[in-house]
Amino acid sequence: MTPEQFAAAGRALFGPLYKTPLARALGNEPRTVRRWADGSFPIADGVRDDLIRLLTARGIEIDEVLGDFAAEAGPAPGEGIR
């Protein structure tokens, strides 16, 4: 995993200020996450798998919320337009 991939996963999970919340989610110090993101330390073994697990869980949460919205609101914007 590259620092760029690591940072992209962090932003996808927690937005542009991802480092501290990602550190908490991974059980690491924010300083360590900053070093992984800037490439000054190699990313620890297992972090890729942890990120996949977090991203998958977040995706499921998002899908559930979207499903709730769709059930209440009817067709999505643009749906059915030809």
N, C-alpha and C. Protein backbone atom coordinates (compact mmCIF):
# COMPACT_ATOMS: atom_id res chain seq x y z
N MET A 1 0.85 -1.17 0.00
CA MET A 1 0.00 0.00 0.00
C MET A 1 0.89 1.24 0.00
N THR A 2 0.54 2.17 -0.87
CA THR A 2 1.31 3.41 -0.94
C THR A 2 0.75 4.44 0.04
N PRO A 3 1.55 5.45 0.36
CA PRO A 3 1.02 6.54 1.19
C PRO A 3 -0.19 7.22 0.53
N GLU A 4 -0.18 7.32 -0.80
CA GLU A 4 -1.30 7.93 -1.50
C GLU A 4 -2.58 7.11 -1.34
N GLN A 5 -2.46 5.79 -1.43
CA GLN A 5 -3.62 4.91 -1.23
C GLN A 5 -4.12 5.01 0.21
N PHE A 6 -3.19 5.03 1.13
CA PHE A 6 -3.53 5.16 2.55
C PHE A 6 -4.30 6.46 2.80
N ALA A 7 -3.78 7.57 2.26
CA ALA A 7 -4.43 8.87 2.45
C ALA A 7 -5.80 8.90 1.78
N ALA A 8 -5.91 8.31 0.60
CA ALA A 8 -7.21 8.28 -0.09
C ALA A 8 -8.24 7.51 0.72
N ALA A 9 -7.84 6.41 1.31
CA ALA A 9 -8.76 5.63 2.16
C ALA A 9 -9.16 6.45 3.38
N GLY A 10 -8.21 7.13 3.99
CA GLY A 10 -8.51 7.97 5.15
C GLY A 10 -9.50 9.07 4.82
N ARG A 11 -9.29 9.74 3.67
CA ARG A 11 -10.21 10.81 3.26
C ARG A 11 -11.59 10.25 2.96
N ALA A 12 -11.65 9.07 2.33
CA ALA A 12 -12.95 8.46 2.02
C ALA A 12 -13.71 8.13 3.30
N LEU A 13 -13.00 7.71 4.31
CA LEU A 13 -13.64 7.34 5.58
C LEU A 13 -14.03 8.54 6.43
N PHE A 14 -13.14 9.53 6.52
CA PHE A 14 -13.31 10.59 7.51
C PHE A 14 -13.20 12.01 6.97
N GLY A 15 -13.07 12.17 5.68
CA GLY A 15 -12.96 13.51 5.10
C GLY A 15 -11.53 14.03 5.15
N PRO A 16 -11.36 15.31 4.80
CA PRO A 16 -10.01 15.86 4.68
C PRO A 16 -9.22 15.92 6.00
N LEU A 17 -9.90 15.95 7.11
CA LEU A 17 -9.22 15.97 8.42
C LEU A 17 -9.24 14.56 9.02
N TYR A 18 -8.78 13.60 8.24
CA TYR A 18 -8.94 12.18 8.56
C TYR A 18 -7.93 11.61 9.55
N LYS A 19 -6.82 12.24 9.74
CA LYS A 19 -5.70 11.57 10.42
C LYS A 19 -6.00 11.17 11.86
N THR A 20 -6.55 12.06 12.66
CA THR A 20 -6.84 11.71 14.05
C THR A 20 -7.96 10.68 14.16
N PRO A 21 -9.10 10.86 13.46
CA PRO A 21 -10.13 9.82 13.56
C PRO A 21 -9.67 8.47 13.01
N LEU A 22 -8.85 8.49 11.96
CA LEU A 22 -8.34 7.23 11.41
C LEU A 22 -7.40 6.57 12.41
N ALA A 23 -6.56 7.36 13.04
CA ALA A 23 -5.66 6.80 14.06
C ALA A 23 -6.47 6.12 15.15
N ARG A 24 -7.53 6.76 15.60
CA ARG A 24 -8.39 6.19 16.63
C ARG A 24 -9.01 4.87 16.15
N ALA A 25 -9.51 4.87 14.91
CA ALA A 25 -10.16 3.68 14.35
C ALA A 25 -9.17 2.52 14.20
N LEU A 26 -7.92 2.85 13.92
CA LEU A 26 -6.89 1.81 13.74
C LEU A 26 -6.19 1.45 15.04
N GLY A 27 -6.42 2.22 16.09
CA GLY A 27 -5.75 1.97 17.36
C GLY A 27 -4.30 2.40 17.37
N ASN A 28 -4.01 3.48 16.63
CA ASN A 28 -2.65 4.00 16.55
C ASN A 28 -2.61 5.45 16.99
N GLU A 29 -1.43 5.94 17.18
CA GLU A 29 -1.22 7.35 17.51
C GLU A 29 -1.38 8.20 16.25
N PRO A 30 -1.97 9.39 16.37
CA PRO A 30 -2.08 10.27 15.20
C PRO A 30 -0.73 10.55 14.54
N ARG A 31 0.34 10.64 15.33
CA ARG A 31 1.66 10.89 14.76
C ARG A 31 2.06 9.76 13.80
N THR A 32 1.73 8.53 14.18
CA THR A 32 2.05 7.39 13.32
C THR A 32 1.28 7.48 12.01
N VAL A 33 0.00 7.81 12.08
CA VAL A 33 -0.82 7.93 10.88
C VAL A 33 -0.29 9.06 9.99
N ARG A 34 0.13 10.18 10.58
CA ARG A 34 0.72 11.27 9.78
C ARG A 34 1.97 10.79 9.06
N ARG A 35 2.78 10.02 9.74
CA ARG A 35 4.03 9.52 9.13
C ARG A 35 3.74 8.52 8.01
N TRP A 36 2.72 7.66 8.20
CA TRP A 36 2.34 6.74 7.12
C TRP A 36 1.84 7.53 5.92
N ALA A 37 1.03 8.56 6.17
CA ALA A 37 0.44 9.34 5.09
C ALA A 37 1.48 10.13 4.31
N ASP A 38 2.51 10.62 4.99
CA ASP A 38 3.52 11.41 4.27
C ASP A 38 4.68 10.56 3.77
N GLY A 39 4.63 9.26 4.04
CA GLY A 39 5.64 8.35 3.51
C GLY A 39 6.92 8.29 4.30
N SER A 40 6.97 8.95 5.46
CA SER A 40 8.22 8.93 6.23
C SER A 40 8.40 7.64 7.03
N PHE A 41 7.32 6.89 7.24
CA PHE A 41 7.40 5.56 7.88
C PHE A 41 6.68 4.57 6.98
N PRO A 42 7.18 3.34 6.89
CA PRO A 42 6.44 2.33 6.14
C PRO A 42 5.12 2.00 6.85
N ILE A 43 4.10 1.76 6.06
CA ILE A 43 2.78 1.44 6.61
C ILE A 43 2.83 0.03 7.17
N ALA A 44 2.37 -0.12 8.39
CA ALA A 44 2.47 -1.39 9.11
C ALA A 44 1.69 -2.50 8.41
N ASP A 45 2.19 -3.72 8.56
CA ASP A 45 1.48 -4.89 8.07
C ASP A 45 0.10 -4.94 8.70
N GLY A 46 -0.88 -5.32 7.94
CA GLY A 46 -2.23 -5.45 8.46
C GLY A 46 -3.09 -4.21 8.30
N VAL A 47 -2.48 -3.06 8.07
CA VAL A 47 -3.25 -1.81 7.95
C VAL A 47 -4.14 -1.87 6.71
N ARG A 48 -3.63 -2.41 5.61
CA ARG A 48 -4.44 -2.53 4.40
C ARG A 48 -5.73 -3.31 4.70
N ASP A 49 -5.60 -4.45 5.37
CA ASP A 49 -6.78 -5.25 5.71
C ASP A 49 -7.72 -4.50 6.64
N ASP A 50 -7.16 -3.75 7.59
CA ASP A 50 -8.00 -2.94 8.48
C ASP A 50 -8.77 -1.88 7.71
N LEU A 51 -8.10 -1.25 6.74
CA LEU A 51 -8.76 -0.22 5.94
C LEU A 51 -9.87 -0.83 5.08
N ILE A 52 -9.61 -1.99 4.52
CA ILE A 52 -10.65 -2.66 3.73
C ILE A 52 -11.86 -2.94 4.60
N ARG A 53 -11.63 -3.41 5.81
CA ARG A 53 -12.74 -3.69 6.73
C ARG A 53 -13.51 -2.41 7.07
N LEU A 54 -12.80 -1.33 7.36
CA LEU A 54 -13.45 -0.05 7.68
C LEU A 54 -14.23 0.51 6.48
N LEU A 55 -13.61 0.45 5.30
CA LEU A 55 -14.27 0.96 4.10
C LEU A 55 -15.52 0.15 3.77
N THR A 56 -15.43 -1.16 3.92
CA THR A 56 -16.58 -2.01 3.66
C THR A 56 -17.71 -1.70 4.63
N ALA A 57 -17.39 -1.57 5.90
CA ALA A 57 -18.42 -1.25 6.90
C ALA A 57 -19.05 0.11 6.59
N ARG A 58 -18.25 1.09 6.22
CA ARG A 58 -18.79 2.42 5.90
C ARG A 58 -19.67 2.34 4.67
N GLY A 59 -19.27 1.56 3.68
CA GLY A 59 -20.09 1.38 2.48
C GLY A 59 -21.44 0.78 2.80
N ILE A 60 -21.47 -0.19 3.70
CA ILE A 60 -22.72 -0.81 4.11
C ILE A 60 -23.60 0.22 4.81
N GLU A 61 -23.01 1.02 5.69
CA GLU A 61 -23.78 2.08 6.38
C GLU A 61 -24.38 3.06 5.38
N ILE A 62 -23.60 3.46 4.41
CA ILE A 62 -24.07 4.41 3.40
C ILE A 62 -25.21 3.80 2.59
N ASP A 63 -25.05 2.54 2.19
CA ASP A 63 -26.11 1.87 1.44
C ASP A 63 -27.41 1.80 2.24
N GLU A 64 -27.30 1.55 3.54
CA GLU A 64 -28.50 1.49 4.38
C GLU A 64 -29.19 2.85 4.45
N VAL A 65 -28.41 3.90 4.62
CA VAL A 65 -28.99 5.24 4.68
C VAL A 65 -29.64 5.60 3.35
N LEU A 66 -28.97 5.30 2.25
CA LEU A 66 -29.54 5.57 0.94
C LEU A 66 -30.84 4.79 0.73
N GLY A 67 -30.86 3.55 1.21
CA GLY A 67 -32.07 2.75 1.12
C GLY A 67 -33.21 3.36 1.89
N ASP A 68 -32.92 3.87 3.07
CA ASP A 68 -33.95 4.56 3.87
C ASP A 68 -34.47 5.79 3.15
N PHE A 69 -33.57 6.57 2.56
CA PHE A 69 -33.99 7.76 1.83
C PHE A 69 -34.86 7.37 0.64
N ALA A 70 -34.43 6.37 -0.09
CA ALA A 70 -35.17 5.94 -1.28
C ALA A 70 -36.57 5.45 -0.91
N ALA A 71 -36.68 4.75 0.20
CA ALA A 71 -37.98 4.23 0.62
C ALA A 71 -38.95 5.36 0.98
N GLU A 72 -38.44 6.45 1.51
CA GLU A 72 -39.28 7.57 1.91
C GLU A 72 -39.59 8.52 0.77
N ALA A 73 -38.65 8.71 -0.11
CA ALA A 73 -38.74 9.82 -1.06
C ALA A 73 -39.27 9.42 -2.44
N GLY A 74 -39.39 8.17 -2.73
CA GLY A 74 -39.79 7.78 -4.08
C GLY A 74 -38.59 7.80 -5.01
N PRO A 75 -38.81 8.09 -6.29
CA PRO A 75 -37.71 8.01 -7.25
C PRO A 75 -36.60 9.03 -6.97
N ALA A 76 -35.39 8.63 -7.24
CA ALA A 76 -34.24 9.52 -7.07
C ALA A 76 -34.30 10.62 -8.12
N PRO A 77 -33.64 11.77 -7.85
CA PRO A 77 -33.61 12.86 -8.84
C PRO A 77 -33.08 12.35 -10.18
N GLY A 78 -33.80 12.67 -11.23
CA GLY A 78 -33.37 12.25 -12.56
C GLY A 78 -33.87 10.88 -12.96
N GLU A 79 -34.40 10.13 -12.04
CA GLU A 79 -34.87 8.80 -12.33
C GLU A 79 -36.17 8.90 -13.14
N GLY A 80 -36.24 8.16 -14.22
CA GLY A 80 -37.43 8.15 -15.04
C GLY A 80 -37.46 9.24 -16.11
N ILE A 81 -36.43 10.07 -16.17
CA ILE A 81 -36.35 11.11 -17.20
C ILE A 81 -35.76 10.49 -18.46
N ARG A 82 -36.37 10.78 -19.57
CA ARG A 82 -35.89 10.21 -20.85
C ARG A 82 -35.58 11.30 -21.83
